[in-house]
Amino acid sequence: MIMSYLSLLIKRLQLFVFGARHGVSFAWLSKKMVIYPNLQSLQESSEREFARLSEIEIEANQVYEAIVVAKSGLVTNKNWDAEKSLCVLLYAHILQHRPRTIVETGVANGITTNVIMAALEQTGGQLHSYDILPSAESVYTGTGHWTFHLLRSRNRFKEMSASAGALGPVQLWIHDSNHGYTWQKFEYGFAFEVLDSPGWLISDDIDASPAFGEIAEHSGIHSFGLVDKRKLIGVARRTFT
């Protein structure tokens, strides 16, 4: 146990000073936005939209843990599983803000997909999930409104734009797919074209490239970061009408 905590601490220090491979450091991102070290600090912050986290966190943790037991490793490597902080944040956000249309990129074993759908089964609304793995189509078997979109073509930029652009206004966009700079920059920019105002972008792995730090500097966008177990989550919303 001590060695695992030490290993995690070393990884975080390396990320803070040097950044992930081909990515950016926590120190660089902290110059672009506030970064909260955990969910509790986010709840206690001035981010009023997340003030109810503590009310929902126990329930969200239980949902997350049950889904990990049921789904982890069924489609692809367990290393692709979303971590707890991201899932708790998404679950709480959906219960509080009740988005009508959500887009998720990156399904893998369906951890976030099932967490999102567990919340949407209570609130209504629909989730559109995109992935390049055909087997990801089977990750959710519940009764909620879920649509899986398989990206087939080589020009996934064009395919994604055409498909997601036809959905109408989106209230929540979740990125957890290709974390390379080119794709992240495209996806973040496109998300803000289709998001309602205000609309929310929540992204995993914002330390993987400079793309999120760049959008954090745009006028009309409010953003912050949240430390997950071994990486950073980014949250951004439109503030203009």
C-alpha atoms as a PDB file:
ATOM      1  CA  MET A   1       0.000   0.000   0.000  1.00  0.00           C
ATOM      2  CA  ILE A   2       2.787   2.431   0.957  1.00  0.00           C
ATOM      3  CA  MET A   3       4.640   1.664  -2.290  1.00  0.00           C
ATOM      4  CA  SER A   4       1.518   2.285  -4.395  1.00  0.00           C
ATOM      5  CA  TYR A   5       0.975   5.688  -2.761  1.00  0.00           C
ATOM      6  CA  LEU A   6       4.646   6.528  -3.240  1.00  0.00           C
ATOM      7  CA  SER A   7       4.456   5.548  -6.907  1.00  0.00           C
ATOM      8  CA  LEU A   8       1.371   7.735  -7.382  1.00  0.00           C
ATOM      9  CA  LEU A   9       3.083  10.668  -5.648  1.00  0.00           C
ATOM     10  CA  ILE A  10       6.130  10.323  -7.904  1.00  0.00           C
ATOM     11  CA  LYS A  11       3.929  10.259 -11.014  1.00  0.00           C
ATOM     12  CA  ARG A  12       2.096  13.412  -9.910  1.00  0.00           C
ATOM     13  CA  LEU A  13       5.352  15.219  -9.208  1.00  0.00           C
ATOM     14  CA  GLN A  14       6.642  14.243 -12.633  1.00  0.00           C
ATOM     15  CA  LEU A  15       3.448  15.487 -14.270  1.00  0.00           C
ATOM     16  CA  PHE A  16       3.621  18.738 -12.338  1.00  0.00           C
ATOM     17  CA  VAL A  17       7.207  19.466 -13.325  1.00  0.00           C
ATOM     18  CA  PHE A  18       7.644  17.824 -16.715  1.00  0.00           C
ATOM     19  CA  GLY A  19       4.190  16.971 -18.054  1.00  0.00           C
ATOM     20  CA  ALA A  20       3.045  13.731 -19.640  1.00  0.00           C
ATOM     21  CA  ARG A  21       4.902  12.473 -22.692  1.00  0.00           C
ATOM     22  CA  HIS A  22       3.988  14.796 -25.590  1.00  0.00           C
ATOM     23  CA  GLY A  23       1.705  16.643 -23.157  1.00  0.00           C
ATOM     24  CA  VAL A  24       1.890  19.522 -20.733  1.00  0.00           C
ATOM     25  CA  SER A  25       2.664  19.900 -17.049  1.00  0.00           C
ATOM     26  CA  PHE A  26       0.247  20.751 -14.245  1.00  0.00           C
ATOM     27  CA  ALA A  27       2.369  23.844 -13.690  1.00  0.00           C
ATOM     28  CA  TRP A  28       1.760  25.036 -17.264  1.00  0.00           C
ATOM     29  CA  LEU A  29      -1.994  24.409 -17.000  1.00  0.00           C
ATOM     30  CA  SER A  30      -2.215  26.137 -13.617  1.00  0.00           C
ATOM     31  CA  LYS A  31      -1.121  29.355 -15.322  1.00  0.00           C
ATOM     32  CA  LYS A  32      -4.187  29.084 -17.582  1.00  0.00           C
ATOM     33  CA  MET A  33      -6.837  28.191 -15.003  1.00  0.00           C
ATOM     34  CA  VAL A  34      -7.503  27.254 -11.389  1.00  0.00           C
ATOM     35  CA  ILE A  35      -6.797  23.589 -10.645  1.00  0.00           C
ATOM     36  CA  TYR A  36      -8.587  21.920  -7.719  1.00  0.00           C
ATOM     37  CA  PRO A  37      -6.729  19.054  -6.017  1.00  0.00           C
ATOM     38  CA  ASN A  38      -9.857  16.987  -5.284  1.00  0.00           C
ATOM     39  CA  LEU A  39     -13.657  16.939  -5.371  1.00  0.00           C
ATOM     40  CA  GLN A  40     -13.957  18.375  -1.875  1.00  0.00           C
ATOM     41  CA  SER A  41     -11.945  21.461  -2.787  1.00  0.00           C
ATOM     42  CA  LEU A  42     -14.106  21.916  -5.882  1.00  0.00           C
ATOM     43  CA  GLN A  43     -17.270  21.718  -3.816  1.00  0.00           C
ATOM     44  CA  GLU A  44     -15.916  24.301  -1.370  1.00  0.00           C
ATOM     45  CA  SER A  45     -14.840  26.656  -4.152  1.00  0.00           C
ATOM     46  CA  SER A  46     -16.705  29.507  -5.808  1.00  0.00           C
ATOM     47  CA  GLU A  47     -17.866  27.134  -8.580  1.00  0.00           C
ATOM     48  CA  ARG A  48     -21.494  27.276  -7.457  1.00  0.00           C
ATOM     49  CA  GLU A  49     -22.652  24.816 -10.118  1.00  0.00           C
ATOM     50  CA  PHE A  50     -20.888  22.038  -8.196  1.00  0.00           C
ATOM     51  CA  ALA A  51     -21.962  23.005  -4.686  1.00  0.00           C
ATOM     52  CA  ARG A  52     -24.185  19.899  -4.358  1.00  0.00           C
ATOM     53  CA  LEU A  53     -21.392  17.392  -4.960  1.00  0.00           C
ATOM     54  CA  SER A  54     -21.368  16.201  -1.353  1.00  0.00           C
ATOM     55  CA  GLU A  55     -25.099  15.425  -1.463  1.00  0.00           C
ATOM     56  CA  ILE A  56     -24.640  13.133  -4.450  1.00  0.00           C
ATOM     57  CA  GLU A  57     -21.102  11.810  -3.975  1.00  0.00           C
ATOM     58  CA  ILE A  58     -21.948   8.714  -1.894  1.00  0.00           C
ATOM     59  CA  GLU A  59     -24.605   7.618  -4.372  1.00  0.00           C
ATOM     60  CA  ALA A  60     -22.280   8.350  -7.303  1.00  0.00           C
ATOM     61  CA  ASN A  61     -19.458   6.336  -5.745  1.00  0.00           C
ATOM     62  CA  GLN A  62     -21.756   3.336  -5.315  1.00  0.00           C
ATOM     63  CA  VAL A  63     -22.937   3.569  -8.919  1.00  0.00           C
ATOM     64  CA  TYR A  64     -19.351   3.857 -10.181  1.00  0.00           C
ATOM     65  CA  GLU A  65     -18.026   0.927  -8.160  1.00  0.00           C
ATOM     66  CA  ALA A  66     -20.858  -1.374  -9.251  1.00  0.00           C
ATOM     67  CA  ILE A  67     -20.307  -0.471 -12.911  1.00  0.00           C
ATOM     68  CA  VAL A  68     -16.551  -1.089 -12.702  1.00  0.00           C
ATOM     69  CA  VAL A  69     -17.190  -4.559 -11.262  1.00  0.00           C
ATOM     70  CA  ALA A  70     -19.674  -5.330 -14.040  1.00  0.00           C
ATOM     71  CA  LYS A  71     -17.962  -3.743 -17.058  1.00  0.00           C
ATOM     72  CA  SER A  72     -14.202  -3.345 -16.557  1.00  0.00           C
ATOM     73  CA  GLY A  73     -12.194  -5.192 -19.198  1.00  0.00           C
ATOM     74  CA  LEU A  74     -15.164  -6.556 -21.140  1.00  0.00           C
ATOM     75  CA  VAL A  75     -14.387  -4.698 -24.390  1.00  0.00           C
ATOM     76  CA  THR A  76     -10.776  -3.593 -24.125  1.00  0.00           C
ATOM     77  CA  ASN A  77      -7.918  -3.141 -21.657  1.00  0.00           C
ATOM     78  CA  LYS A  78      -8.828  -2.057 -18.116  1.00  0.00           C
ATOM     79  CA  ASN A  79      -6.332   0.780 -18.444  1.00  0.00           C
ATOM     80  CA  TRP A  80      -8.930   2.568 -20.578  1.00  0.00           C
ATOM     81  CA  ASP A  81     -11.446   2.634 -17.723  1.00  0.00           C
ATOM     82  CA  ALA A  82     -12.482   6.082 -16.539  1.00  0.00           C
ATOM     83  CA  GLU A  83     -11.482   6.935 -12.985  1.00  0.00           C
ATOM     84  CA  LYS A  84     -13.765   7.739 -10.087  1.00  0.00           C
ATOM     85  CA  SER A  85     -13.507  11.542  -9.920  1.00  0.00           C
ATOM     86  CA  LEU A  86     -14.580  11.957 -13.549  1.00  0.00           C
ATOM     87  CA  CYS A  87     -17.559   9.640 -13.089  1.00  0.00           C
ATOM     88  CA  VAL A  88     -18.679  11.266  -9.824  1.00  0.00           C
ATOM     89  CA  LEU A  89     -18.415  14.694 -11.460  1.00  0.00           C
ATOM     90  CA  LEU A  90     -20.508  13.588 -14.451  1.00  0.00           C
ATOM     91  CA  TYR A  91     -23.148  11.844 -12.351  1.00  0.00           C
ATOM     92  CA  ALA A  92     -23.575  14.845 -10.054  1.00  0.00           C
ATOM     93  CA  HIS A  93     -23.610  17.312 -12.948  1.00  0.00           C
ATOM     94  CA  ILE A  94     -26.374  15.424 -14.765  1.00  0.00           C
ATOM     95  CA  LEU A  95     -28.577  15.069 -11.682  1.00  0.00           C
ATOM     96  CA  GLN A  96     -28.217  18.783 -10.941  1.00  0.00           C
ATOM     97  CA  HIS A  97     -28.366  20.314 -14.428  1.00  0.00           C
ATOM     98  CA  ARG A  98     -30.550  17.722 -16.225  1.00  0.00           C
ATOM     99  CA  PRO A  99     -29.079  18.102 -19.730  1.00  0.00           C
ATOM    100  CA  ARG A 100     -31.364  17.025 -22.553  1.00  0.00           C
ATOM    101  CA  THR A 101     -28.661  15.982 -25.033  1.00  0.00           C
ATOM    102  CA  ILE A 102     -25.178  14.729 -24.136  1.00  0.00           C
ATOM    103  CA  VAL A 103     -22.340  13.775 -26.476  1.00  0.00           C
ATOM    104  CA  GLU A 104     -19.581  11.439 -25.313  1.00  0.00           C
ATOM    105  CA  THR A 105     -16.484  10.611 -27.367  1.00  0.00           C
ATOM    106  CA  GLY A 106     -14.686   7.464 -26.304  1.00  0.00           C
ATOM    107  CA  VAL A 107     -16.632   4.487 -24.952  1.00  0.00           C
ATOM    108  CA  ALA A 108     -14.108   1.654 -24.431  1.00  0.00           C
ATOM    109  CA  ASN A 109     -15.507  -0.594 -21.655  1.00  0.00           C
ATOM    110  CA  GLY A 110     -18.423   1.747 -21.076  1.00  0.00           C
ATOM    111  CA  ILE A 111     -17.638   2.936 -17.565  1.00  0.00           C
ATOM    112  CA  THR A 112     -18.577   6.580 -18.148  1.00  0.00           C
ATOM    113  CA  THR A 113     -21.346   5.538 -20.550  1.00  0.00           C
ATOM    114  CA  ASN A 114     -23.094   3.507 -17.877  1.00  0.00           C
ATOM    115  CA  VAL A 115     -22.525   6.137 -15.177  1.00  0.00           C
ATOM    116  CA  ILE A 116     -24.073   8.767 -17.439  1.00  0.00           C
ATOM    117  CA  MET A 117     -26.982   6.514 -18.301  1.00  0.00           C
ATOM    118  CA  ALA A 118     -27.592   5.698 -14.627  1.00  0.00           C
ATOM    119  CA  ALA A 119     -28.103   9.424 -14.086  1.00  0.00           C
ATOM    120  CA  LEU A 120     -30.155   9.931 -17.265  1.00  0.00           C
ATOM    121  CA  GLU A 121     -32.479   7.080 -16.294  1.00  0.00           C
ATOM    122  CA  GLN A 122     -33.516   9.348 -13.418  1.00  0.00           C
ATOM    123  CA  THR A 123     -33.602  12.686 -15.221  1.00  0.00           C
ATOM    124  CA  GLY A 124     -34.518  11.853 -18.814  1.00  0.00           C
ATOM    125  CA  GLY A 125     -32.408  13.070 -21.685  1.00  0.00           C
ATOM    126  CA  GLN A 126     -30.331  11.253 -24.255  1.00  0.00           C
ATOM    127  CA  LEU A 127     -26.696  10.235 -24.698  1.00  0.00           C
ATOM    128  CA  HIS A 128     -24.908   9.941 -28.044  1.00  0.00           C
ATOM    129  CA  SER A 129     -21.626   8.040 -27.729  1.00  0.00           C
ATOM    130  CA  TYR A 130     -18.885   7.857 -30.387  1.00  0.00           C
ATOM    131  CA  ASP A 131     -16.112   5.285 -30.702  1.00  0.00           C
ATOM    132  CA  ILE A 132     -14.015   3.475 -33.316  1.00  0.00           C
ATOM    133  CA  LEU A 133     -14.497   0.051 -31.657  1.00  0.00           C
ATOM    134  CA  PRO A 134     -17.545  -1.858 -33.005  1.00  0.00           C
ATOM    135  CA  SER A 135     -17.633  -3.987 -29.843  1.00  0.00           C
ATOM    136  CA  ALA A 136     -18.329  -0.879 -27.743  1.00  0.00           C
ATOM    137  CA  GLU A 137     -21.880  -0.933 -29.112  1.00  0.00           C
ATOM    138  CA  SER A 138     -22.835  -3.534 -26.493  1.00  0.00           C
ATOM    139  CA  VAL A 139     -21.657  -1.792 -23.320  1.00  0.00           C
ATOM    140  CA  TYR A 140     -25.074  -0.468 -22.257  1.00  0.00           C
ATOM    141  CA  THR A 141     -28.149  -2.701 -22.041  1.00  0.00           C
ATOM    142  CA  GLY A 142     -30.495  -0.587 -19.924  1.00  0.00           C
ATOM    143  CA  THR A 143     -33.723   1.159 -20.832  1.00  0.00           C
ATOM    144  CA  GLY A 144     -32.473   4.719 -21.203  1.00  0.00           C
ATOM    145  CA  HIS A 145     -32.149   6.673 -24.444  1.00  0.00           C
ATOM    146  CA  TRP A 146     -28.656   5.742 -25.675  1.00  0.00           C
ATOM    147  CA  THR A 147     -27.350   5.884 -29.248  1.00  0.00           C
ATOM    148  CA  PHE A 148     -23.999   4.441 -30.249  1.00  0.00           C
ATOM    149  CA  HIS A 149     -22.206   5.958 -33.248  1.00  0.00           C
ATOM    150  CA  LEU A 150     -19.375   3.974 -34.835  1.00  0.00           C
ATOM    151  CA  LEU A 151     -16.805   6.187 -36.551  1.00  0.00           C
ATOM    152  CA  ARG A 152     -15.894   4.223 -39.657  1.00  0.00           C
ATOM    153  CA  SER A 153     -14.220   6.556 -42.126  1.00  0.00           C
ATOM    154  CA  ARG A 154     -10.600   7.664 -42.246  1.00  0.00           C
ATOM    155  CA  ASN A 155     -11.748  11.272 -42.151  1.00  0.00           C
ATOM    156  CA  ARG A 156     -13.169  11.156 -38.643  1.00  0.00           C
ATOM    157  CA  PHE A 157     -13.106  14.932 -38.355  1.00  0.00           C
ATOM    158  CA  LYS A 158     -15.655  15.226 -41.155  1.00  0.00           C
ATOM    159  CA  GLU A 159     -17.678  12.222 -39.975  1.00  0.00           C
ATOM    160  CA  MET A 160     -17.933  13.520 -36.419  1.00  0.00           C
ATOM    161  CA  SER A 161     -18.853  17.029 -37.577  1.00  0.00           C
ATOM    162  CA  ALA A 162     -21.641  15.742 -39.801  1.00  0.00           C
ATOM    163  CA  SER A 163     -23.078  13.330 -37.246  1.00  0.00           C
ATOM    164  CA  ALA A 164     -22.876  15.405 -34.065  1.00  0.00           C
ATOM    165  CA  GLY A 165     -23.768  18.582 -35.934  1.00  0.00           C
ATOM    166  CA  ALA A 166     -27.126  17.044 -36.845  1.00  0.00           C
ATOM    167  CA  LEU A 167     -28.131  16.414 -33.223  1.00  0.00           C
ATOM    168  CA  GLY A 168     -29.224  19.956 -32.483  1.00  0.00           C
ATOM    169  CA  PRO A 169     -28.171  21.886 -29.381  1.00  0.00           C
ATOM    170  CA  VAL A 170     -26.019  19.926 -26.930  1.00  0.00           C
ATOM    171  CA  GLN A 171     -25.945  20.782 -23.229  1.00  0.00           C
ATOM    172  CA  LEU A 172     -22.982  18.599 -22.211  1.00  0.00           C
ATOM    173  CA  TRP A 173     -20.026  17.380 -24.288  1.00  0.00           C
ATOM    174  CA  ILE A 174     -17.633  14.812 -22.785  1.00  0.00           C
ATOM    175  CA  HIS A 175     -14.225  14.102 -24.300  1.00  0.00           C
ATOM    176  CA  ASP A 176     -12.430  10.861 -23.443  1.00  0.00           C
ATOM    177  CA  SER A 177     -11.186   9.624 -26.802  1.00  0.00           C
ATOM    178  CA  ASN A 178      -8.075  10.478 -28.847  1.00  0.00           C
ATOM    179  CA  HIS A 179      -5.952  12.696 -26.584  1.00  0.00           C
ATOM    180  CA  GLY A 180      -3.570  13.871 -29.297  1.00  0.00           C
ATOM    181  CA  TYR A 181      -3.306  17.627 -29.816  1.00  0.00           C
ATOM    182  CA  THR A 182      -4.844  17.685 -33.303  1.00  0.00           C
ATOM    183  CA  TRP A 183      -7.964  15.757 -32.293  1.00  0.00           C
ATOM    184  CA  GLN A 184      -8.425  17.508 -28.954  1.00  0.00           C
ATOM    185  CA  LYS A 185      -8.116  20.921 -30.586  1.00  0.00           C
ATOM    186  CA  PHE A 186     -10.674  19.949 -33.239  1.00  0.00           C
ATOM    187  CA  GLU A 187     -13.082  18.369 -30.771  1.00  0.00           C
ATOM    188  CA  TYR A 188     -12.999  21.179 -28.224  1.00  0.00           C
ATOM    189  CA  GLY A 189     -13.549  23.768 -30.936  1.00  0.00           C
ATOM    190  CA  PHE A 190     -16.389  21.819 -32.512  1.00  0.00           C
ATOM    191  CA  ALA A 191     -18.005  21.194 -29.134  1.00  0.00           C
ATOM    192  CA  PHE A 192     -18.294  24.913 -28.532  1.00  0.00           C
ATOM    193  CA  GLU A 193     -19.934  25.320 -31.932  1.00  0.00           C
ATOM    194  CA  VAL A 194     -22.807  22.995 -30.995  1.00  0.00           C
ATOM    195  CA  LEU A 195     -23.079  23.618 -27.248  1.00  0.00           C
ATOM    196  CA  ASP A 196     -25.981  25.613 -25.845  1.00  0.00           C
ATOM    197  CA  SER A 197     -25.172  28.829 -24.041  1.00  0.00           C
ATOM    198  CA  PRO A 198     -24.419  28.123 -21.312  1.00  0.00           C
ATOM    199  CA  GLY A 199     -23.199  24.663 -22.256  1.00  0.00           C
ATOM    200  CA  TRP A 200     -20.564  22.451 -20.661  1.00  0.00           C
ATOM    201  CA  LEU A 201     -17.455  20.673 -21.908  1.00  0.00           C
ATOM    202  CA  ILE A 202     -15.902  18.100 -19.576  1.00  0.00           C
ATOM    203  CA  SER A 203     -12.672  16.496 -20.746  1.00  0.00           C
ATOM    204  CA  ASP A 204     -10.482  13.757 -19.359  1.00  0.00           C
ATOM    205  CA  ASP A 205      -6.694  13.881 -19.859  1.00  0.00           C
ATOM    206  CA  ILE A 206      -6.295  17.607 -20.414  1.00  0.00           C
ATOM    207  CA  ASP A 207      -2.618  17.212 -19.539  1.00  0.00           C
ATOM    208  CA  ALA A 208      -2.117  15.081 -22.678  1.00  0.00           C
ATOM    209  CA  SER A 209      -1.778  18.105 -24.977  1.00  0.00           C
ATOM    210  CA  PRO A 210      -1.855  21.925 -24.877  1.00  0.00           C
ATOM    211  CA  ALA A 211      -5.325  22.054 -26.462  1.00  0.00           C
ATOM    212  CA  PHE A 212      -7.398  22.579 -23.299  1.00  0.00           C
ATOM    213  CA  GLY A 213      -5.013  25.189 -21.970  1.00  0.00           C
ATOM    214  CA  GLU A 214      -5.448  27.078 -25.221  1.00  0.00           C
ATOM    215  CA  ILE A 215      -9.255  27.181 -25.057  1.00  0.00           C
ATOM    216  CA  ALA A 216      -9.006  28.261 -21.420  1.00  0.00           C
ATOM    217  CA  GLU A 217      -7.604  31.563 -22.662  1.00  0.00           C
ATOM    218  CA  HIS A 218     -10.562  32.316 -24.947  1.00  0.00           C
ATOM    219  CA  SER A 219     -12.929  35.079 -23.941  1.00  0.00           C
ATOM    220  CA  GLY A 220     -16.439  33.834 -23.226  1.00  0.00           C
ATOM    221  CA  ILE A 221     -15.178  30.540 -21.775  1.00  0.00           C
ATOM    222  CA  HIS A 222     -14.755  29.843 -18.053  1.00  0.00           C
ATOM    223  CA  SER A 223     -12.632  26.801 -17.227  1.00  0.00           C
ATOM    224  CA  PHE A 224     -10.919  24.963 -14.391  1.00  0.00           C
ATOM    225  CA  GLY A 225      -9.039  21.725 -13.804  1.00  0.00           C
ATOM    226  CA  LEU A 226      -9.530  18.884 -11.345  1.00  0.00           C
ATOM    227  CA  VAL A 227      -6.858  16.389 -10.303  1.00  0.00           C
ATOM    228  CA  ASP A 228      -7.957  12.803 -10.769  1.00  0.00           C
ATOM    229  CA  LYS A 229      -5.979   9.845  -9.439  1.00  0.00           C
ATOM    230  CA  ARG A 230      -3.215  10.102 -12.073  1.00  0.00           C
ATOM    231  CA  LYS A 231      -4.256  12.826 -14.548  1.00  0.00           C
ATOM    232  CA  LEU A 232      -6.267  16.009 -14.957  1.00  0.00           C
ATOM    233  CA  ILE A 233      -9.921  16.599 -15.798  1.00  0.00           C
ATOM    234  CA  GLY A 234     -10.924  19.856 -17.459  1.00  0.00           C
ATOM    235  CA  VAL A 235     -14.285  21.609 -17.157  1.00  0.00           C
ATOM    236  CA  ALA A 236     -15.265  24.547 -19.364  1.00  0.00           C
ATOM    237  CA  ARG A 237     -18.511  26.350 -20.012  1.00  0.00           C
ATOM    238  CA  ARG A 238     -19.728  29.053 -22.320  1.00  0.00           C
ATOM    239  CA  THR A 239     -20.423  32.296 -20.520  1.00  0.00           C
ATOM    240  CA  PHE A 240     -21.660  34.398 -23.453  1.00  0.00           C
ATOM    241  CA  THR A 241     -25.096  34.393 -25.114  1.00  0.00           C
END
